[in-house]
Amino acid sequence: MAIDLSAGQQALGHRVLIVSLETPPSGRLAGVARERGIEVFTVPKRDGFDATVILRARRLLLNERVSLVHTHNQLPLIYCAPAGKLARARVVHTKHGANFERGRRLWLRRAAARMCDAYVAVSAPTAELARRDREAKNVHVIENGIELSRFERDEGMRRAMRRELSIPEDAFVFGMVGRVVPEKNHELALRALAPLLGDKLRLVVAGDGDLLASLSAQRAAGVHWLGARNDIARLYSTFDALLLSSRTEGLPLVVLEAMAAGLPVVATRVGGVPGVVEHERTGLLVAPEDEAGLREAAARLVSDRSLALGWGGAGRARAHERFSSERMVRDYIELYRNVLGY
């Protein structure tokens, strides 16, 4: 999202740079950003709380004459909101989902949020979380957007990817894309689909994370574990539907990407997902942790491919109507202008 936003702003004539807190080489998306012509700088953070990040980031912002700092997620907020203020820049923050830390981390988040000139949430439920945690009172809602053209499905790619992954051409494929971590609840999806998996139904999981090794070691039949991938847009051509079993979400980009690719979505009713997926029109929503409900929803799509195709088409139309990166860029530029006073 940050790369798409930066590229869109740069196309309008603004100078944009991305600052990574990762140790060199700046995180796995640095190369993607540079390929799109975006400058990437690194202010590496040591393990634990590293107060020197604030001063080093301030020096970078002053040297590059930055007028507005936009932070994403809580660690950049905690470190770079004060750095922005010390560099006499305006500060905007975007909250992408729930934060579960309490104690000192919550206190730091609240303190940094007070330094922001504007506080944004990616969905109305995420905005409510910010108010509940007393991070901000006046919260703007700007929904995520994506570069829709990147996710056009290609039948030739579908066949090629299925050969590469050893998936039968006529199998129905559910795809899961995202970090393999507790909040994404891959275990629920595995339990729900286990009785259905076989030659006619496959599950493809793309993503890295703390639970990847332990879950993939179970070697469940019909499940393809791909790990981290740099060709996610190509993978959508392989899928027949997206599966999202999360315990919590903000506004997940994978849902927007799948809809742009013309895929129906089966998802848990969490965070901003119900505001994107229209139940019985672009997909199916089930309660979080509802194993039987998730299994029933998946089986319904597998048994009626015409329904899946119809809902996928409706989702694609909805994505093009509401979730383009161009709309997102316009919304943020308008907010920046208000914050900067012009």
Protein backbone atom coordinates (compact mmCIF):
# COMPACT_ATOMS: atom_id res chain seq x y z
CA MET A 1 0.00 0.00 0.00
CA ALA A 2 2.82 2.40 0.91
CA ILE A 3 4.59 1.69 -2.39
CA ASP A 4 1.42 2.20 -4.46
CA LEU A 5 0.68 5.41 -2.56
CA SER A 6 4.24 6.70 -3.02
CA ALA A 7 4.28 5.86 -6.72
CA GLY A 8 0.96 7.61 -7.25
CA GLN A 9 2.12 10.73 -5.41
CA GLN A 10 5.39 10.78 -7.32
CA ALA A 11 3.50 10.56 -10.63
CA LEU A 12 1.75 13.80 -9.65
CA GLY A 13 5.11 15.57 -9.38
CA HIS A 14 5.86 15.24 -5.67
CA ARG A 15 9.19 14.00 -4.34
CA VAL A 16 8.57 10.91 -2.21
CA LEU A 17 11.00 8.81 -0.23
CA ILE A 18 10.41 5.67 1.80
CA VAL A 19 12.26 5.21 5.09
CA SER A 20 12.74 1.66 6.33
CA LEU A 21 13.49 0.76 9.95
CA GLU A 22 14.77 -2.66 8.86
CA THR A 23 18.45 -3.50 8.89
CA PRO A 24 20.04 -3.41 5.42
CA PRO A 25 19.00 -4.27 2.73
CA SER A 26 15.99 -2.26 3.98
CA GLY A 27 13.43 -5.07 4.06
CA ARG A 28 12.09 -7.37 1.36
CA LEU A 29 10.03 -4.67 -0.44
CA ALA A 30 12.90 -2.19 -0.85
CA GLY A 31 13.79 -3.62 -4.25
CA VAL A 32 10.17 -3.36 -5.41
CA ALA A 33 10.08 0.30 -4.37
CA ARG A 34 13.33 1.10 -6.14
CA GLU A 35 12.16 -0.66 -9.31
CA ARG A 36 9.25 1.78 -9.35
CA GLY A 37 11.59 4.76 -9.06
CA ILE A 38 11.04 5.50 -5.36
CA GLU A 39 14.00 6.51 -3.21
CA VAL A 40 14.54 4.21 -0.23
CA PHE A 41 16.51 5.17 2.88
CA THR A 42 17.30 3.02 5.91
CA VAL A 43 17.34 4.01 9.57
CA PRO A 44 18.00 0.57 11.08
CA LYS A 45 16.46 -0.16 14.47
CA ARG A 46 18.32 -2.34 16.94
CA ASP A 47 16.51 -5.00 18.97
CA GLY A 48 14.40 -3.64 21.81
CA PHE A 49 13.58 0.02 22.26
CA ASP A 50 16.13 2.09 20.31
CA ALA A 51 15.79 5.80 21.07
CA THR A 52 18.61 6.63 18.64
CA VAL A 53 16.20 5.93 15.77
CA ILE A 54 14.36 9.16 16.58
CA LEU A 55 17.48 11.29 16.32
CA ARG A 56 18.84 9.49 13.25
CA ALA A 57 15.47 9.77 11.50
CA ARG A 58 15.28 13.47 12.41
CA ARG A 59 18.70 14.05 10.82
CA LEU A 60 17.60 12.28 7.64
CA LEU A 61 14.34 14.26 7.44
CA LEU A 62 16.19 17.56 7.87
CA ASN A 63 18.88 16.63 5.34
CA GLU A 64 16.23 15.69 2.76
CA ARG A 65 14.09 18.76 3.60
CA VAL A 66 10.99 16.66 4.23
CA SER A 67 7.83 18.70 4.83
CA LEU A 68 5.43 15.84 5.67
CA VAL A 69 6.01 12.46 7.32
CA HIS A 70 3.47 9.66 6.81
CA THR A 71 3.90 6.68 9.15
CA HIS A 72 2.32 3.24 8.79
CA ASN A 73 1.74 0.86 11.72
CA GLN A 74 2.88 1.25 15.27
CA LEU A 75 6.69 1.05 15.33
CA PRO A 76 7.12 3.74 12.66
CA LEU A 77 4.52 5.80 14.55
CA ILE A 78 6.40 5.48 17.84
CA TYR A 79 9.76 6.42 16.34
CA CYS A 80 9.03 8.66 13.36
CA ALA A 81 6.17 10.82 14.63
CA PRO A 82 8.53 12.43 17.20
CA ALA A 83 11.31 12.50 14.59
CA GLY A 84 8.98 14.35 12.23
CA LYS A 85 8.04 16.88 14.87
CA LEU A 86 11.69 17.46 15.79
CA ALA A 87 12.38 18.03 12.07
CA ARG A 88 9.55 20.62 11.95
CA ALA A 89 7.51 18.48 9.53
CA ARG A 90 3.80 17.73 9.57
CA VAL A 91 2.92 14.16 10.58
CA VAL A 92 0.16 11.86 9.28
CA HIS A 93 -0.31 8.33 10.57
CA THR A 94 -2.28 5.41 9.09
CA LYS A 95 -3.52 2.63 11.34
CA HIS A 96 -3.95 -0.60 9.36
CA GLY A 97 -5.45 -2.89 11.99
CA ALA A 98 -5.70 -3.88 15.62
CA ASN A 99 -2.75 -3.60 18.02
CA PHE A 100 -2.78 -6.03 20.91
CA GLU A 101 0.17 -4.74 22.93
CA ARG A 102 -0.57 -3.08 26.22
CA GLY A 103 1.59 -1.53 28.93
CA ARG A 104 4.55 0.54 27.75
CA ARG A 105 3.89 -0.08 24.04
CA LEU A 106 0.33 1.27 24.36
CA TRP A 107 1.57 4.29 26.28
CA LEU A 108 4.19 5.01 23.62
CA ARG A 109 1.60 4.61 20.86
CA ARG A 110 -0.74 7.07 22.54
CA ALA A 111 2.05 9.57 23.13
CA ALA A 112 3.22 9.39 19.52
CA ALA A 113 -0.34 9.66 18.20
CA ARG A 114 -0.73 13.00 19.99
CA MET A 115 2.12 14.34 17.85
CA CYS A 116 0.22 13.61 14.62
CA ASP A 117 -1.46 16.37 12.67
CA ALA A 118 -3.87 13.82 11.18
CA TYR A 119 -4.71 10.23 12.18
CA VAL A 120 -6.13 7.87 9.55
CA ALA A 121 -7.75 4.44 9.78
CA VAL A 122 -8.25 2.15 6.79
CA SER A 123 -11.81 1.21 7.82
CA ALA A 124 -14.54 2.38 10.17
CA PRO A 125 -14.00 -0.55 12.61
CA THR A 126 -10.27 0.26 12.68
CA ALA A 127 -11.13 3.88 13.47
CA GLU A 128 -13.26 2.67 16.37
CA LEU A 129 -10.30 0.66 17.70
CA ALA A 130 -8.17 3.82 17.66
CA ARG A 131 -10.82 5.68 19.65
CA ARG A 132 -11.23 2.78 22.09
CA ASP A 133 -7.48 2.69 22.76
CA ARG A 134 -7.50 6.49 23.13
CA GLU A 135 -4.94 6.89 20.36
CA ALA A 136 -6.96 9.61 18.67
CA LYS A 137 -10.38 11.23 18.90
CA ASN A 138 -10.67 12.74 15.43
CA VAL A 139 -9.93 9.84 13.09
CA HIS A 140 -10.16 10.13 9.31
CA VAL A 141 -11.16 7.01 7.35
CA ILE A 142 -9.39 6.49 4.03
CA GLU A 143 -9.88 3.04 2.57
CA ASN A 144 -6.98 1.27 0.91
CA GLY A 145 -6.69 1.15 -2.85
CA ILE A 146 -4.63 -0.95 -5.25
CA GLU A 147 -3.32 -0.78 -8.81
CA LEU A 148 -6.19 -2.72 -10.30
CA SER A 149 -4.54 -3.46 -13.65
CA ARG A 150 -1.84 -5.57 -11.97
CA PHE A 151 -4.40 -8.23 -11.04
CA GLU A 152 -6.03 -9.01 -14.35
CA ARG A 153 -6.37 -12.80 -14.64
CA ASP A 154 -4.72 -14.59 -17.53
CA GLU A 155 -5.81 -18.05 -18.70
CA GLY A 156 -2.39 -18.86 -20.10
CA MET A 157 -0.82 -17.95 -16.77
CA ARG A 158 -3.42 -20.09 -15.00
CA ARG A 159 -2.42 -23.17 -16.95
CA ALA A 160 1.30 -22.49 -16.57
CA MET A 161 1.10 -21.92 -12.82
CA ARG A 162 -0.99 -25.04 -12.29
CA ARG A 163 1.59 -27.11 -14.14
CA GLU A 164 4.34 -25.51 -12.03
CA LEU A 165 2.50 -26.31 -8.78
CA SER A 166 1.30 -29.77 -9.90
CA ILE A 167 -2.37 -28.85 -9.55
CA PRO A 168 -4.94 -30.58 -11.77
CA GLU A 169 -6.41 -28.28 -14.40
CA ASP A 170 -9.98 -29.01 -13.29
CA ALA A 171 -9.37 -28.68 -9.53
CA PHE A 172 -11.06 -25.88 -7.59
CA VAL A 173 -8.31 -23.88 -5.88
CA PHE A 174 -8.68 -21.73 -2.79
CA GLY A 175 -5.80 -19.31 -2.26
CA MET A 176 -4.57 -17.81 1.00
CA VAL A 177 -2.15 -14.90 0.73
CA GLY A 178 -0.52 -13.25 3.73
CA ARG A 179 1.69 -13.70 6.74
CA VAL A 180 1.50 -17.11 8.40
CA VAL A 181 0.98 -15.76 11.92
CA PRO A 182 -1.57 -16.41 14.70
CA GLU A 183 -3.89 -13.52 13.82
CA LYS A 184 -4.39 -14.90 10.29
CA ASN A 185 -5.59 -18.19 11.81
CA HIS A 186 -4.43 -20.58 9.08
CA GLU A 187 -5.16 -23.43 11.50
CA LEU A 188 -8.89 -22.72 11.20
CA ALA A 189 -8.73 -22.86 7.40
CA LEU A 190 -6.79 -26.13 7.48
CA ARG A 191 -9.30 -27.76 9.83
CA ALA A 192 -12.28 -26.47 7.86
CA LEU A 193 -11.04 -27.65 4.47
CA ALA A 194 -9.39 -30.91 5.57
CA PRO A 195 -12.45 -33.14 4.84
CA LEU A 196 -12.90 -31.55 1.40
CA LEU A 197 -9.33 -31.54 0.07
CA GLY A 198 -8.24 -33.90 -2.68
CA ASP A 199 -7.84 -33.98 -6.46
CA LYS A 200 -10.93 -31.79 -6.92
CA LEU A 201 -10.09 -29.20 -4.26
CA ARG A 202 -6.70 -27.73 -3.40
CA LEU A 203 -5.51 -25.04 -1.00
CA VAL A 204 -2.53 -22.87 -1.97
CA VAL A 205 -0.89 -20.84 0.82
CA ALA A 206 1.51 -18.02 -0.09
CA GLY A 207 3.34 -16.13 2.61
CA ASP A 208 6.02 -16.35 5.27
CA GLY A 209 5.75 -16.05 9.03
CA ASP A 210 6.40 -17.52 12.45
CA LEU A 211 4.01 -20.46 11.99
CA LEU A 212 5.03 -21.48 8.48
CA ALA A 213 7.53 -24.16 9.50
CA SER A 214 5.27 -25.86 12.04
CA LEU A 215 2.12 -25.80 9.88
CA SER A 216 3.79 -26.87 6.65
CA ALA A 217 5.52 -29.73 8.50
CA GLN A 218 2.10 -31.32 9.00
CA ARG A 219 2.09 -32.10 5.25
CA ALA A 220 -1.70 -32.05 4.94
CA ALA A 221 -2.87 -33.63 1.69
CA GLY A 222 -4.05 -31.14 -0.90
CA VAL A 223 -2.26 -28.15 0.65
CA HIS A 224 0.52 -26.36 -1.27
CA TRP A 225 2.82 -24.24 0.93
CA LEU A 226 4.68 -21.71 -1.23
CA GLY A 227 6.37 -19.54 1.38
CA ALA A 228 7.24 -15.94 0.52
CA ARG A 229 6.57 -15.08 -3.14
CA ASN A 230 7.35 -12.08 -5.31
CA ASP A 231 4.79 -13.04 -7.98
CA ILE A 232 1.54 -12.73 -6.05
CA ALA A 233 -0.24 -11.06 -8.97
CA ARG A 234 0.51 -14.14 -11.10
CA LEU A 235 -0.78 -16.47 -8.39
CA TYR A 236 -4.27 -14.98 -8.51
CA SER A 237 -4.66 -16.46 -12.00
CA THR A 238 -4.21 -19.88 -10.37
CA PHE A 239 -6.97 -19.42 -7.79
CA ASP A 240 -10.72 -19.90 -8.14
CA ALA A 241 -11.48 -18.13 -4.84
CA LEU A 242 -9.73 -16.39 -1.97
CA LEU A 243 -9.94 -17.74 1.58
CA LEU A 244 -9.39 -15.48 4.59
CA SER A 245 -9.74 -17.00 8.07
CA SER A 246 -8.36 -14.12 10.15
CA ARG A 247 -9.12 -13.33 13.76
CA THR A 248 -8.59 -9.62 13.12
CA GLU A 249 -8.09 -7.33 10.11
CA GLY A 250 -8.06 -3.68 9.12
CA LEU A 251 -8.84 -3.55 5.42
CA PRO A 252 -6.82 -6.41 3.89
CA LEU A 253 -5.24 -5.68 0.54
CA VAL A 254 -5.45 -9.35 -0.42
CA VAL A 255 -9.24 -9.09 -0.52
CA LEU A 256 -9.06 -6.09 -2.85
CA GLU A 257 -6.51 -7.87 -5.03
CA ALA A 258 -8.64 -11.01 -5.28
CA MET A 259 -11.73 -8.98 -6.18
CA ALA A 260 -9.76 -7.10 -8.84
CA ALA A 261 -8.78 -10.51 -10.25
CA GLY A 262 -12.45 -11.52 -10.43
CA LEU A 263 -12.33 -13.99 -7.55
CA PRO A 264 -15.11 -14.58 -5.01
CA VAL A 265 -14.02 -14.28 -1.38
CA VAL A 266 -14.80 -16.53 1.58
CA ALA A 267 -13.79 -14.66 4.73
CA THR A 268 -14.37 -14.25 8.42
CA ARG A 269 -16.50 -11.28 9.41
CA VAL A 270 -13.75 -9.20 11.07
CA GLY A 271 -12.53 -5.59 10.91
CA GLY A 272 -13.19 -3.85 7.63
CA VAL A 273 -13.87 -7.06 5.67
CA PRO A 274 -17.72 -6.78 5.81
CA GLY A 275 -17.43 -3.29 4.34
CA VAL A 276 -15.69 -4.74 1.29
CA VAL A 277 -17.10 -8.24 0.76
CA GLU A 278 -20.86 -8.20 0.14
CA HIS A 279 -22.32 -11.40 1.55
CA GLU A 280 -24.10 -13.47 -1.11
CA ARG A 281 -23.04 -11.01 -3.83
CA THR A 282 -19.23 -10.96 -4.00
CA GLY A 283 -18.56 -13.81 -1.59
CA LEU A 284 -19.50 -15.34 1.73
CA LEU A 285 -18.85 -14.14 5.27
CA VAL A 286 -18.72 -16.36 8.35
CA ALA A 287 -18.17 -15.70 12.03
CA PRO A 288 -14.56 -15.77 13.26
CA GLU A 289 -13.52 -19.21 14.57
CA ASP A 290 -16.55 -20.84 12.89
CA GLU A 291 -14.98 -23.99 11.45
CA ALA A 292 -18.25 -25.55 10.29
CA GLY A 293 -19.42 -22.27 8.73
CA LEU A 294 -16.14 -21.86 6.84
CA ARG A 295 -16.34 -25.45 5.57
CA GLU A 296 -19.95 -24.98 4.44
CA ALA A 297 -19.12 -21.73 2.63
CA ALA A 298 -16.17 -23.30 0.84
CA ALA A 299 -18.20 -26.35 -0.16
CA ARG A 300 -20.94 -24.13 -1.57
CA LEU A 301 -18.57 -22.42 -3.99
CA VAL A 302 -16.90 -25.68 -4.99
CA SER A 303 -20.28 -27.23 -5.82
CA ASP A 304 -21.47 -24.28 -7.93
CA ARG A 305 -18.78 -22.82 -10.14
CA SER A 306 -21.23 -20.61 -12.00
CA LEU A 307 -22.06 -18.96 -8.67
CA ALA A 308 -18.36 -18.48 -7.99
CA LEU A 309 -17.85 -16.89 -11.40
CA GLY A 310 -20.84 -14.58 -10.95
CA TRP A 311 -19.74 -13.40 -7.53
CA GLY A 312 -16.20 -12.95 -8.81
CA GLY A 313 -17.45 -10.70 -11.60
CA ALA A 314 -19.47 -8.63 -9.13
CA GLY A 315 -16.41 -8.29 -6.92
CA ARG A 316 -14.30 -7.11 -9.81
CA ALA A 317 -16.85 -4.41 -10.65
CA ARG A 318 -16.93 -3.31 -7.00
CA ALA A 319 -13.13 -3.12 -6.82
CA HIS A 320 -12.96 -0.94 -9.94
CA GLU A 321 -15.73 1.30 -8.63
CA ARG A 322 -14.33 1.89 -5.16
CA PHE A 323 -10.82 0.60 -4.47
CA SER A 324 -8.45 2.03 -7.08
CA SER A 325 -5.06 3.38 -6.06
CA GLU A 326 -5.93 6.59 -7.92
CA ARG A 327 -8.84 7.21 -5.53
CA MET A 328 -6.64 6.44 -2.52
CA VAL A 329 -3.92 8.82 -3.73
CA ARG A 330 -6.47 11.62 -4.27
CA ASP A 331 -7.87 11.16 -0.77
CA TYR A 332 -4.44 11.32 0.85
CA ILE A 333 -3.29 14.29 -1.23
CA GLU A 334 -6.39 16.19 -0.12
CA LEU A 335 -5.62 15.32 3.52
CA TYR A 336 -1.97 16.39 3.11
CA ARG A 337 -3.05 19.73 1.70
CA ASN A 338 -5.35 20.34 4.65
CA VAL A 339 -2.57 19.43 7.07
CA LEU A 340 -0.02 21.63 5.30
CA GLY A 341 -2.49 24.50 4.99
CA TYR A 342 -2.68 24.84 1.21
